[in-house]
């Protein structure tokens, strides 16, 4: 999905849910390199924003990552 679609879905998931956090990330199914690089950096700093996902994406296909994965 596009970045804008992923961001919209993330916003919808965040409504009324305080126990989980969501993040836009490169799609692991279609962009394994971008996803792996993004996750490696996320584990180091945890300061990445949704916009940072664009920097790591190689094909501009995104997914929503639930908070318990990072």
PDB file of N, CA and C in Angstrom:
ATOM      1  N   UNK A   1       0.847  -1.176   0.000  1.00  0.00           N
ATOM      2  CA  UNK A   1       0.000   0.000   0.000  1.00  0.00           C
ATOM      3  C   UNK A   1       0.886   1.229   0.000  1.00  0.00           C
ATOM      4  N   UNK A   2       0.335   2.328  -0.403  1.00  0.00           N
ATOM      5  CA  UNK A   2       1.113   3.567  -0.434  1.00  0.00           C
ATOM      6  C   UNK A   2       1.343   4.071   0.990  1.00  0.00           C
ATOM      7  N   UNK A   3       2.243   5.016   1.108  1.00  0.00           N
ATOM      8  CA  UNK A   3       2.543   5.595   2.411  1.00  0.00           C
ATOM      9  C   UNK A   3       1.300   6.261   2.992  1.00  0.00           C
ATOM     10  N   UNK A   4       0.579   6.990   2.163  1.00  0.00           N
ATOM     11  CA  UNK A   4      -0.615   7.700   2.632  1.00  0.00           C
ATOM     12  C   UNK A   4      -1.682   6.721   3.123  1.00  0.00           C
ATOM     13  N   UNK A   5      -1.866   5.609   2.408  1.00  0.00           N
ATOM     14  CA  UNK A   5      -2.835   4.597   2.829  1.00  0.00           C
ATOM     15  C   UNK A   5      -2.431   3.984   4.169  1.00  0.00           C
ATOM     16  N   UNK A   6      -1.144   3.669   4.310  1.00  0.00           N
ATOM     17  CA  UNK A   6      -0.647   3.085   5.555  1.00  0.00           C
ATOM     18  C   UNK A   6      -0.815   4.061   6.716  1.00  0.00           C
ATOM     19  N   UNK A   7      -0.533   5.316   6.483  1.00  0.00           N
ATOM     20  CA  UNK A   7      -0.676   6.329   7.528  1.00  0.00           C
ATOM     21  C   UNK A   7      -2.142   6.477   7.946  1.00  0.00           C
ATOM     22  N   UNK A   8      -3.053   6.414   7.003  1.00  0.00           N
ATOM     23  CA  UNK A   8      -4.486   6.505   7.314  1.00  0.00           C
ATOM     24  C   UNK A   8      -4.928   5.311   8.157  1.00  0.00           C
ATOM     25  N   UNK A   9      -4.496   4.110   7.783  1.00  0.00           N
ATOM     26  CA  UNK A   9      -4.855   2.906   8.538  1.00  0.00           C
ATOM     27  C   UNK A   9      -4.252   2.961   9.935  1.00  0.00           C
ATOM     28  N   UNK A  10      -3.024   3.438  10.033  1.00  0.00           N
ATOM     29  CA  UNK A  10      -2.389   3.587  11.347  1.00  0.00           C
ATOM     30  C   UNK A  10      -3.213   4.512  12.229  1.00  0.00           C
ATOM     31  N   UNK A  11      -3.649   5.621  11.670  1.00  0.00           N
ATOM     32  CA  UNK A  11      -4.450   6.575  12.436  1.00  0.00           C
ATOM     33  C   UNK A  11      -5.763   5.949  12.901  1.00  0.00           C
ATOM     34  N   UNK A  12      -6.375   5.144  12.042  1.00  0.00           N
ATOM     35  CA  UNK A  12      -7.620   4.474  12.412  1.00  0.00           C
ATOM     36  C   UNK A  12      -7.392   3.464  13.537  1.00  0.00           C
ATOM     37  N   UNK A  13      -6.267   2.754  13.493  1.00  0.00           N
ATOM     38  CA  UNK A  13      -5.948   1.780  14.545  1.00  0.00           C
ATOM     39  C   UNK A  13      -5.679   2.465  15.882  1.00  0.00           C
ATOM     40  N   UNK A  14      -5.114   3.662  15.834  1.00  0.00           N
ATOM     41  CA  UNK A  14      -4.749   4.364  17.062  1.00  0.00           C
ATOM     42  C   UNK A  14      -5.955   4.906  17.826  1.00  0.00           C
ATOM     43  N   UNK A  15      -7.087   5.054  17.160  1.00  0.00           N
ATOM     44  CA  UNK A  15      -8.273   5.607  17.820  1.00  0.00           C
ATOM     45  C   UNK A  15      -8.772   4.611  18.859  1.00  0.00           C
ATOM     46  N   UNK A  16      -8.752   5.015  20.089  1.00  0.00           N
ATOM     47  CA  UNK A  16      -9.292   4.202  21.174  1.00  0.00           C
ATOM     48  C   UNK A  16      -8.408   3.065  21.651  1.00  0.00           C
ATOM     49  N   UNK A  17      -7.223   2.940  21.102  1.00  0.00           N
ATOM     50  CA  UNK A  17      -6.321   1.858  21.524  1.00  0.00           C
ATOM     51  C   UNK A  17      -5.098   2.481  22.168  1.00  0.00           C
ATOM     52  N   UNK A  18      -4.967   2.322  23.480  1.00  0.00           N
ATOM     53  CA  UNK A  18      -3.818   2.916  24.156  1.00  0.00           C
ATOM     54  C   UNK A  18      -2.760   1.871  24.517  1.00  0.00           C
ATOM     55  N   UNK A  19      -3.109   0.598  24.425  1.00  0.00           N
ATOM     56  CA  UNK A  19      -2.166  -0.437  24.841  1.00  0.00           C
ATOM     57  C   UNK A  19      -1.192  -0.843  23.733  1.00  0.00           C
ATOM     58  N   UNK A  20      -1.461  -0.459  22.500  1.00  0.00           N
ATOM     59  CA  UNK A  20      -0.585  -0.801  21.382  1.00  0.00           C
ATOM     60  C   UNK A  20      -0.155   0.463  20.666  1.00  0.00           C
ATOM     61  N   UNK A  21       0.988   0.375  20.062  1.00  0.00           N
ATOM     62  CA  UNK A  21       1.421   1.462  19.197  1.00  0.00           C
ATOM     63  C   UNK A  21       1.648   0.886  17.800  1.00  0.00           C
ATOM     64  N   UNK A  22       1.488   1.709  16.813  1.00  0.00           N
ATOM     65  CA  UNK A  22       1.621   1.284  15.432  1.00  0.00           C
ATOM     66  C   UNK A  22       2.614   2.187  14.727  1.00  0.00           C
ATOM     67  N   UNK A  23       3.291   1.623  13.730  1.00  0.00           N
ATOM     68  CA  UNK A  23       4.296   2.371  12.985  1.00  0.00           C
ATOM     69  C   UNK A  23       4.210   1.961  11.521  1.00  0.00           C
ATOM     70  N   UNK A  24       4.383   2.916  10.640  1.00  0.00           N
ATOM     71  CA  UNK A  24       4.462   2.625   9.216  1.00  0.00           C
ATOM     72  C   UNK A  24       5.887   2.150   8.925  1.00  0.00           C
ATOM     73  N   UNK A  25       5.994   1.057   8.161  1.00  0.00           N
ATOM     74  CA  UNK A  25       7.310   0.511   7.830  1.00  0.00           C
ATOM     75  C   UNK A  25       7.278  -0.025   6.400  1.00  0.00           C
ATOM     76  N   UNK A  26       8.462  -0.255   5.799  1.00  0.00           N
ATOM     77  CA  UNK A  26       8.480  -0.906   4.489  1.00  0.00           C
ATOM     78  C   UNK A  26       7.824  -2.283   4.587  1.00  0.00           C
ATOM     79  N   UNK A  27       7.122  -2.682   3.548  1.00  0.00           N
ATOM     80  CA  UNK A  27       6.399  -3.944   3.539  1.00  0.00           C
ATOM     81  C   UNK A  27       7.386  -5.118   3.533  1.00  0.00           C
ATOM     82  N   UNK A  28       7.365  -5.977   4.557  1.00  0.00           N
ATOM     83  CA  UNK A  28       8.331  -7.073   4.614  1.00  0.00           C
ATOM     84  C   UNK A  28       8.135  -8.118   3.512  1.00  0.00           C
ATOM     85  N   UNK A  29       6.937  -8.214   2.947  1.00  0.00           N
ATOM     86  CA  UNK A  29       6.668  -9.208   1.903  1.00  0.00           C
ATOM     87  C   UNK A  29       7.207  -8.794   0.543  1.00  0.00           C
ATOM     88  N   UNK A  30       7.221  -7.501   0.269  1.00  0.00           N
ATOM     89  CA  UNK A  30       7.639  -7.029  -1.052  1.00  0.00           C
ATOM     90  C   UNK A  30       8.943  -6.236  -1.026  1.00  0.00           C
ATOM     91  N   UNK A  31       9.434  -5.915   0.157  1.00  0.00           N
ATOM     92  CA  UNK A  31      10.640  -5.088   0.292  1.00  0.00           C
ATOM     93  C   UNK A  31      11.454  -5.565   1.490  1.00  0.00           C
ATOM     94  N   UNK A  32      11.968  -6.771   1.394  1.00  0.00           N
ATOM     95  CA  UNK A  32      12.667  -7.347   2.551  1.00  0.00           C
ATOM     96  C   UNK A  32      13.920  -6.554   2.922  1.00  0.00           C
ATOM     97  N   UNK A  33      14.643  -6.034   1.940  1.00  0.00           N
ATOM     98  CA  UNK A  33      15.841  -5.251   2.256  1.00  0.00           C
ATOM     99  C   UNK A  33      15.468  -3.983   3.013  1.00  0.00           C
ATOM    100  N   UNK A  34      14.490  -3.245   2.512  1.00  0.00           N
ATOM    101  CA  UNK A  34      14.059  -2.023   3.184  1.00  0.00           C
ATOM    102  C   UNK A  34      13.538  -2.303   4.583  1.00  0.00           C
ATOM    103  N   UNK A  35      12.753  -3.367   4.705  1.00  0.00           N
ATOM    104  CA  UNK A  35      12.199  -3.741   6.008  1.00  0.00           C
ATOM    105  C   UNK A  35      13.307  -4.121   6.987  1.00  0.00           C
ATOM    106  N   UNK A  36      14.232  -4.961   6.543  1.00  0.00           N
ATOM    107  CA  UNK A  36      15.320  -5.398   7.428  1.00  0.00           C
ATOM    108  C   UNK A  36      16.199  -4.232   7.858  1.00  0.00           C
ATOM    109  N   UNK A  37      16.517  -3.341   6.937  1.00  0.00           N
ATOM    110  CA  UNK A  37      17.316  -2.158   7.282  1.00  0.00           C
ATOM    111  C   UNK A  37      16.559  -1.259   8.256  1.00  0.00           C
ATOM    112  N   UNK A  38      15.275  -1.076   8.008  1.00  0.00           N
ATOM    113  CA  UNK A  38      14.444  -0.251   8.890  1.00  0.00           C
ATOM    114  C   UNK A  38      14.394  -0.845  10.293  1.00  0.00           C
ATOM    115  N   UNK A  39      14.173  -2.152  10.388  1.00  0.00           N
ATOM    116  CA  UNK A  39      14.080  -2.809  11.694  1.00  0.00           C
ATOM    117  C   UNK A  39      15.413  -2.774  12.438  1.00  0.00           C
ATOM    118  N   UNK A  40      16.514  -2.945  11.717  1.00  0.00           N
ATOM    119  CA  UNK A  40      17.833  -2.883  12.354  1.00  0.00           C
ATOM    120  C   UNK A  40      18.058  -1.498  12.968  1.00  0.00           C
ATOM    121  N   UNK A  41      17.706  -0.467  12.226  1.00  0.00           N
ATOM    122  CA  UNK A  41      17.859   0.897  12.740  1.00  0.00           C
ATOM    123  C   UNK A  41      16.881   1.168  13.880  1.00  0.00           C
ATOM    124  N   UNK A  42      15.684   0.634  13.776  1.00  0.00           N
ATOM    125  CA  UNK A  42      14.675   0.820  14.821  1.00  0.00           C
ATOM    126  C   UNK A  42      15.127   0.186  16.132  1.00  0.00           C
ATOM    127  N   UNK A  43      15.741  -0.968  16.051  1.00  0.00           N
ATOM    128  CA  UNK A  43      16.239  -1.631  17.262  1.00  0.00           C
ATOM    129  C   UNK A  43      17.364  -0.830  17.914  1.00  0.00           C
ATOM    130  N   UNK A  44      18.142  -0.128  17.106  1.00  0.00           N
ATOM    131  CA  UNK A  44      19.237   0.680  17.644  1.00  0.00           C
ATOM    132  C   UNK A  44      18.736   1.949  18.312  1.00  0.00           C
ATOM    133  N   UNK A  45      17.856   2.683  17.634  1.00  0.00           N
ATOM    134  CA  UNK A  45      17.534   4.018  18.125  1.00  0.00           C
ATOM    135  C   UNK A  45      16.101   4.184  18.628  1.00  0.00           C
ATOM    136  N   UNK A  46      15.149   3.488  18.050  1.00  0.00           N
ATOM    137  CA  UNK A  46      13.724   3.613  18.381  1.00  0.00           C
ATOM    138  C   UNK A  46      13.192   5.030  18.186  1.00  0.00           C
ATOM    139  N   UNK A  47      13.975   5.891  17.580  1.00  0.00           N
ATOM    140  CA  UNK A  47      13.544   7.268  17.354  1.00  0.00           C
ATOM    141  C   UNK A  47      13.080   7.496  15.922  1.00  0.00           C
ATOM    142  N   UNK A  48      12.842   6.435  15.165  1.00  0.00           N
ATOM    143  CA  UNK A  48      12.399   6.601  13.792  1.00  0.00           C
ATOM    144  C   UNK A  48      10.932   7.019  13.754  1.00  0.00           C
ATOM    145  N   UNK A  49      10.615   7.837  12.790  1.00  0.00           N
ATOM    146  CA  UNK A  49       9.230   8.269  12.591  1.00  0.00           C
ATOM    147  C   UNK A  49       8.638   7.525  11.400  1.00  0.00           C
ATOM    148  N   UNK A  50       7.359   7.710  11.187  1.00  0.00           N
ATOM    149  CA  UNK A  50       6.732   7.113  10.008  1.00  0.00           C
ATOM    150  C   UNK A  50       7.387   7.626   8.730  1.00  0.00           C
ATOM    151  N   UNK A  51       7.725   8.884   8.709  1.00  0.00           N
ATOM    152  CA  UNK A  51       8.383   9.471   7.528  1.00  0.00           C
ATOM    153  C   UNK A  51       9.717   8.788   7.234  1.00  0.00           C
ATOM    154  N   UNK A  52      10.409   8.314   8.269  1.00  0.00           N
ATOM    155  CA  UNK A  52      11.690   7.634   8.068  1.00  0.00           C
ATOM    156  C   UNK A  52      11.524   6.346   7.271  1.00  0.00           C
ATOM    157  N   UNK A  53      10.350   5.753   7.313  1.00  0.00           N
ATOM    158  CA  UNK A  53      10.106   4.526   6.552  1.00  0.00           C
ATOM    159  C   UNK A  53      10.328   4.759   5.064  1.00  0.00           C
ATOM    160  N   UNK A  54      10.049   5.965   4.599  1.00  0.00           N
ATOM    161  CA  UNK A  54      10.271   6.290   3.183  1.00  0.00           C
ATOM    162  C   UNK A  54      11.746   6.195   2.810  1.00  0.00           C
ATOM    163  N   UNK A  55      12.623   6.552   3.729  1.00  0.00           N
ATOM    164  CA  UNK A  55      14.061   6.524   3.454  1.00  0.00           C
ATOM    165  C   UNK A  55      14.568   5.098   3.258  1.00  0.00           C
ATOM    166  N   UNK A  56      13.947   4.155   3.930  1.00  0.00           N
ATOM    167  CA  UNK A  56      14.404   2.768   3.879  1.00  0.00           C
ATOM    168  C   UNK A  56      13.708   1.949   2.802  1.00  0.00           C
ATOM    169  N   UNK A  57      12.586   2.413   2.322  1.00  0.00           N
ATOM    170  CA  UNK A  57      11.825   1.666   1.321  1.00  0.00           C
ATOM    171  C   UNK A  57      12.538   1.694  -0.027  1.00  0.00           C
ATOM    172  N   UNK A  58      12.559   0.534  -0.686  1.00  0.00           N
ATOM    173  CA  UNK A  58      13.152   0.470  -2.019  1.00  0.00           C
ATOM    174  C   UNK A  58      12.091   0.480  -3.112  1.00  0.00           C
ATOM    175  N   UNK A  59      10.814   0.303  -2.740  1.00  0.00           N
ATOM    176  CA  UNK A  59       9.759   0.259  -3.752  1.00  0.00           C
ATOM    177  C   UNK A  59       8.495   1.039  -3.365  1.00  0.00           C
ATOM    178  N   UNK A  60       8.543   1.777  -2.283  1.00  0.00           N
ATOM    179  CA  UNK A  60       7.424   2.609  -1.806  1.00  0.00           C
ATOM    180  C   UNK A  60       6.156   1.795  -1.541  1.00  0.00           C
ATOM    181  N   UNK A  61       6.337   0.580  -1.018  1.00  0.00           N
ATOM    182  CA  UNK A  61       5.221  -0.264  -0.589  1.00  0.00           C
ATOM    183  C   UNK A  61       5.353  -0.391   0.928  1.00  0.00           C
ATOM    184  N   UNK A  62       4.285  -0.068   1.651  1.00  0.00           N
ATOM    185  CA  UNK A  62       4.365   0.023   3.099  1.00  0.00           C
ATOM    186  C   UNK A  62       3.356  -0.882   3.792  1.00  0.00           C
ATOM    187  N   UNK A  63       3.587  -1.095   5.068  1.00  0.00           N
ATOM    188  CA  UNK A  63       2.738  -1.926   5.915  1.00  0.00           C
ATOM    189  C   UNK A  63       2.691  -1.286   7.291  1.00  0.00           C
ATOM    190  N   UNK A  64       1.786  -1.768   8.130  1.00  0.00           N
ATOM    191  CA  UNK A  64       1.668  -1.279   9.501  1.00  0.00           C
ATOM    192  C   UNK A  64       2.321  -2.295  10.423  1.00  0.00           C
ATOM    193  N   UNK A  65       3.183  -1.829  11.292  1.00  0.00           N
ATOM    194  CA  UNK A  65       3.862  -2.660  12.270  1.00  0.00           C
ATOM    195  C   UNK A  65       3.240  -2.406  13.644  1.00  0.00           C
ATOM    196  N   UNK A  66       2.792  -3.468  14.299  1.00  0.00           N
ATOM    197  CA  UNK A  66       2.220  -3.326  15.642  1.00  0.00           C
ATOM    198  C   UNK A  66       3.343  -3.187  16.656  1.00  0.00           C
ATOM    199  N   UNK A  67       3.073  -2.460  17.726  1.00  0.00           N
ATOM    200  CA  UNK A  67       4.085  -2.126  18.719  1.00  0.00           C
ATOM    201  C   UNK A  67       4.814  -3.260  19.375  1.00  0.00           C
ATOM    202  N   UNK A  68       4.201  -4.419  19.502  1.00  0.00           N
ATOM    203  CA  UNK A  68       4.898  -5.490  20.204  1.00  0.00           C
ATOM    204  C   UNK A  68       6.007  -6.122  19.377  1.00  0.00           C
ATOM    205  N   UNK A  69       6.189  -5.677  18.131  1.00  0.00           N
ATOM    206  CA  UNK A  69       7.266  -6.197  17.291  1.00  0.00           C
ATOM    207  C   UNK A  69       8.552  -5.394  17.413  1.00  0.00           C
ATOM    208  N   UNK A  70       8.531  -4.280  18.119  1.00  0.00           N
ATOM    209  CA  UNK A  70       9.764  -3.495  18.250  1.00  0.00           C
ATOM    210  C   UNK A  70       9.945  -3.002  19.643  1.00  0.00           C
TER     211      UNK A  70
END
